[in-house]
Protein backbone atom coordinates (compact mmCIF):
# COMPACT_ATOMS: atom_id res chain seq x y z
CA MET A 1 0.01 0.03 0.04
CA LYS A 2 1.28 3.44 -0.94
CA ASN A 3 2.19 6.13 1.56
CA ARG A 4 0.53 9.45 0.61
CA LEU A 5 1.69 12.86 1.80
CA VAL A 6 -0.63 15.83 1.23
CA ILE A 7 0.57 19.40 1.65
CA PHE A 8 -2.33 21.74 2.47
CA ALA A 9 -1.71 25.21 1.14
CA LYS A 10 -3.16 28.46 -0.17
CA ALA A 11 -1.94 29.60 -3.56
CA PRO A 12 0.62 32.36 -2.88
CA ARG A 13 -1.41 35.41 -3.84
CA LEU A 14 -0.45 38.83 -2.45
CA GLY A 15 -3.10 40.05 -0.01
CA GLN A 16 -4.85 36.66 0.16
CA VAL A 17 -2.50 34.66 2.42
CA LYS A 18 -1.31 34.82 6.06
CA SER A 19 -3.74 37.47 7.15
CA ARG A 20 -2.74 37.37 10.83
CA LEU A 21 0.92 37.61 9.97
CA ALA A 22 0.17 40.36 7.44
CA ALA A 23 -1.60 42.40 10.10
CA ASP A 24 1.60 42.32 12.14
CA ILE A 25 4.36 42.70 9.56
CA GLY A 26 2.64 43.88 6.35
CA ARG A 27 1.10 42.17 3.34
CA VAL A 28 4.26 41.92 1.24
CA PRO A 29 6.57 40.39 3.89
CA ALA A 30 3.79 37.94 4.88
CA TRP A 31 3.27 36.94 1.27
CA GLN A 32 7.04 36.46 0.79
CA PHE A 33 7.23 34.28 3.90
CA GLN A 34 4.29 32.11 2.72
CA LYS A 35 5.63 31.75 -0.79
CA LEU A 36 9.12 30.85 0.23
CA THR A 37 8.07 28.47 2.99
CA LEU A 38 5.70 26.65 0.62
CA GLU A 39 8.39 26.40 -2.08
CA ARG A 40 10.90 25.03 0.39
CA THR A 41 8.46 22.53 1.80
CA VAL A 42 7.59 21.20 -1.64
CA ARG A 43 11.22 20.99 -2.74
CA ARG A 44 12.22 19.18 0.45
CA LEU A 45 9.48 16.62 0.49
CA ALA A 46 8.07 16.05 -3.00
CA ARG A 47 10.76 13.88 -4.55
CA ASP A 48 11.26 11.38 -1.72
CA PRO A 49 10.56 7.88 -3.07
CA ARG A 50 9.14 6.71 0.31
CA TRP A 51 5.82 8.40 -0.38
CA GLN A 52 3.69 9.92 -3.08
CA CYS A 53 3.29 13.70 -2.65
CA TRP A 54 0.17 15.73 -3.37
CA LEU A 55 -0.36 19.52 -3.07
CA ALA A 56 -3.95 20.31 -1.95
CA VAL A 57 -4.50 23.97 -2.98
CA THR A 58 -7.11 26.59 -2.46
CA GLY A 59 -7.05 30.15 -3.86
CA GLY A 60 -6.03 29.62 -7.47
CA PRO A 61 -3.82 27.54 -9.79
CA THR A 62 -0.47 26.44 -8.48
CA GLN A 63 1.99 24.01 -10.09
CA TRP A 64 5.30 22.50 -9.07
CA PRO A 65 7.29 19.72 -10.75
CA ALA A 66 7.27 16.26 -9.07
CA VAL A 67 4.12 16.91 -7.12
CA LYS A 68 0.55 16.03 -8.00
CA ARG A 69 -1.98 18.81 -7.53
CA MET A 70 -5.59 18.66 -6.24
CA ASP A 71 -8.11 21.34 -5.37
CA GLN A 72 -9.16 21.38 -1.72
CA PRO A 73 -12.77 20.39 -1.21
CA ARG A 74 -15.33 22.89 0.05
CA GLY A 75 -16.17 23.36 3.73
CA ASP A 76 -14.29 24.25 6.91
CA LEU A 77 -10.83 22.94 7.54
CA GLY A 78 -11.98 19.81 9.24
CA ARG A 79 -14.28 18.85 6.44
CA ARG A 80 -11.66 19.54 3.86
CA MET A 81 -9.06 17.39 5.60
CA ASP A 82 -11.55 14.56 6.17
CA ARG A 83 -12.57 14.49 2.52
CA VAL A 84 -8.97 14.44 1.36
CA MET A 85 -8.16 11.60 3.80
CA ARG A 86 -11.06 9.55 2.52
CA GLY A 87 -10.33 10.24 -1.15
CA PHE A 88 -7.36 7.81 -1.52
CA GLY A 89 -7.22 4.09 -1.91
CA PRO A 90 -5.87 1.81 0.78
CA GLY A 91 -2.80 2.89 2.74
CA PRO A 92 -1.78 5.58 5.23
CA VAL A 93 -2.25 9.31 4.53
CA VAL A 94 -0.39 12.16 6.20
CA LEU A 95 -1.48 15.76 5.95
CA ILE A 96 0.76 18.71 6.75
CA GLY A 97 0.52 22.49 6.68
CA SER A 98 2.68 24.70 4.50
CA ASP A 99 3.77 27.28 7.09
CA ILE A 100 6.17 25.07 9.11
CA PRO A 101 9.69 26.23 8.18
CA ASP A 102 11.49 23.48 10.11
CA ILE A 103 9.68 20.50 8.58
CA SER A 104 11.91 17.87 6.96
CA THR A 105 11.86 14.40 5.41
CA ARG A 106 12.86 13.03 8.80
CA HIS A 107 9.56 14.15 10.29
CA ILE A 108 7.51 12.69 7.48
CA ASN A 109 9.31 9.38 7.57
CA ALA A 110 8.82 9.24 11.32
CA ALA A 111 5.09 9.81 10.83
CA PHE A 112 4.70 6.90 8.40
CA ARG A 113 6.75 4.66 10.71
CA VAL A 114 4.33 5.47 13.55
CA LEU A 115 1.42 4.57 11.29
CA GLY A 116 2.95 1.12 10.93
CA ARG A 117 2.00 0.44 14.56
CA CYS A 118 -0.65 3.04 15.48
CA ASP A 119 -3.95 4.27 14.11
CA ALA A 120 -3.00 7.96 14.14
CA VAL A 121 -0.06 10.33 14.42
CA PHE A 122 0.15 14.03 15.23
CA GLY A 123 2.85 16.66 14.96
CA PRO A 124 2.13 19.09 17.79
CA ALA A 125 2.61 22.84 17.22
CA ASP A 126 3.84 25.00 20.06
CA ASP A 127 0.60 26.99 20.06
CA GLY A 128 -1.66 24.02 20.88
CA GLY A 129 -2.50 23.14 17.29
CA TYR A 130 -0.76 20.66 15.07
CA TRP A 131 1.35 20.81 11.92
CA LEU A 132 0.84 17.16 10.91
CA VAL A 133 -1.96 14.60 11.17
CA GLY A 134 -1.82 11.12 9.77
CA LEU A 135 -4.12 8.08 9.74
CA ARG A 136 -3.46 4.46 9.04
CA ARG A 137 -7.09 4.19 7.80
CA ARG A 138 -7.42 0.52 8.41
CA PRO A 139 -9.41 -1.36 9.46
CA SER A 140 -11.53 1.77 9.86
CA HIS A 141 -11.30 5.54 9.42
CA PRO A 142 -11.99 7.51 12.65
CA ALA A 143 -14.00 10.73 12.51
CA LEU A 144 -11.28 13.07 13.71
CA PHE A 145 -12.11 16.55 12.68
CA SER A 146 -15.48 17.55 14.19
CA PRO A 147 -15.92 19.14 16.63
CA VAL A 148 -12.58 20.97 16.78
CA ARG A 149 -11.87 24.50 17.92
CA TRP A 150 -9.68 25.46 14.99
CA SER A 151 -7.05 28.25 15.32
CA THR A 152 -7.02 27.93 19.11
CA LYS A 153 -4.82 26.31 21.71
CA HIS A 154 -7.38 23.49 21.98
CA ALA A 155 -7.15 22.18 18.37
CA LEU A 156 -4.87 19.25 19.09
CA ALA A 157 -6.61 18.28 22.31
CA ASP A 158 -10.02 18.39 20.60
CA THR A 159 -8.79 16.23 17.74
CA VAL A 160 -7.18 13.68 19.99
CA LYS A 161 -10.38 13.49 22.04
CA ASN A 162 -12.29 12.60 18.87
CA LEU A 163 -10.20 9.41 18.57
CA GLY A 164 -11.86 8.03 21.67
CA ARG A 165 -10.50 4.84 23.31
CA ARG A 166 -10.82 2.68 20.27
CA TYR A 167 -7.84 4.15 18.45
CA ASP A 168 -4.21 4.71 19.54
CA TYR A 169 -1.82 7.44 18.51
CA GLU A 170 1.68 8.87 18.95
CA LEU A 171 3.09 12.39 18.89
CA LEU A 172 6.06 13.62 16.90
CA ASP A 173 8.38 16.57 17.61
CA THR A 174 6.86 19.91 18.53
CA LEU A 175 7.47 22.51 15.78
CA ILE A 176 6.57 26.17 15.31
CA ASP A 177 3.56 26.94 13.12
CA VAL A 178 4.14 30.50 11.96
CA ASP A 179 0.84 32.40 12.03
CA ASP A 180 1.73 35.83 13.47
CA ALA A 181 4.65 38.04 14.38
CA ALA A 182 5.07 36.35 17.79
CA SER A 183 5.46 32.89 16.28
CA LEU A 184 7.73 34.22 13.58
CA LYS A 185 9.97 35.74 16.27
CA ARG A 186 10.04 32.41 18.17
CA TRP A 187 11.11 30.65 14.99
CA ARG A 188 13.75 33.23 14.12
CA ASP A 189 15.11 33.15 17.68
CA GLY A 190 15.91 29.42 17.43
CA SER A 191 19.61 28.79 17.45
CA SER A 192 19.58 26.54 14.40
CA ARG A 193 17.29 28.57 12.15
CA GLN A 194 18.38 29.40 8.65
CA PRO A 195 17.32 32.70 7.07
CA LEU A 196 14.17 32.32 5.01
CA THR A 197 15.43 33.83 1.81
CA PRO A 198 15.35 32.60 -1.78
CA ALA A 199 18.91 31.33 -1.46
CA ALA A 200 17.90 29.18 1.52
CA VAL A 201 14.86 27.59 -0.17
């Protein structure tokens, strides 16, 4: 059974992405951050032979070599993720966001390894949300994503609660999900961070 990795992203359109970050640092810097982070994420992850990579996009056409593209379904975030999860054939599916500068192939491989022994895997974000969610999807597919208080410190706890006692899970490393100036500063202050510039993508 194939491993599927899906990168959830908005098409990089000036004034239409990273609204909370844009409110803090301006529309152009926020757009540049989103565009470069998305490009770096795709380049890092799309060509790895251990999984098949898809880019699930909303907000307009976006193409990259070596990655399959799909439009995100309609609905809130939970409904969109659930429909994408259910849209593939047999095998584990991992979904990630596109605004996690530190994500690497090591994290994705660890997620699929967890799904070899557990029903679900999560990558916690330092704000109470999560940057990765994966499901083994066999023998059944848990209803993970409703109700969840999205964009709050409760998002991960709510999603884990939806698993109930029937399903087991593991957590990966905690990473920074950059949504505003405060989280951007936390990321930049990390001792091992590389500058997010075109040369570093």
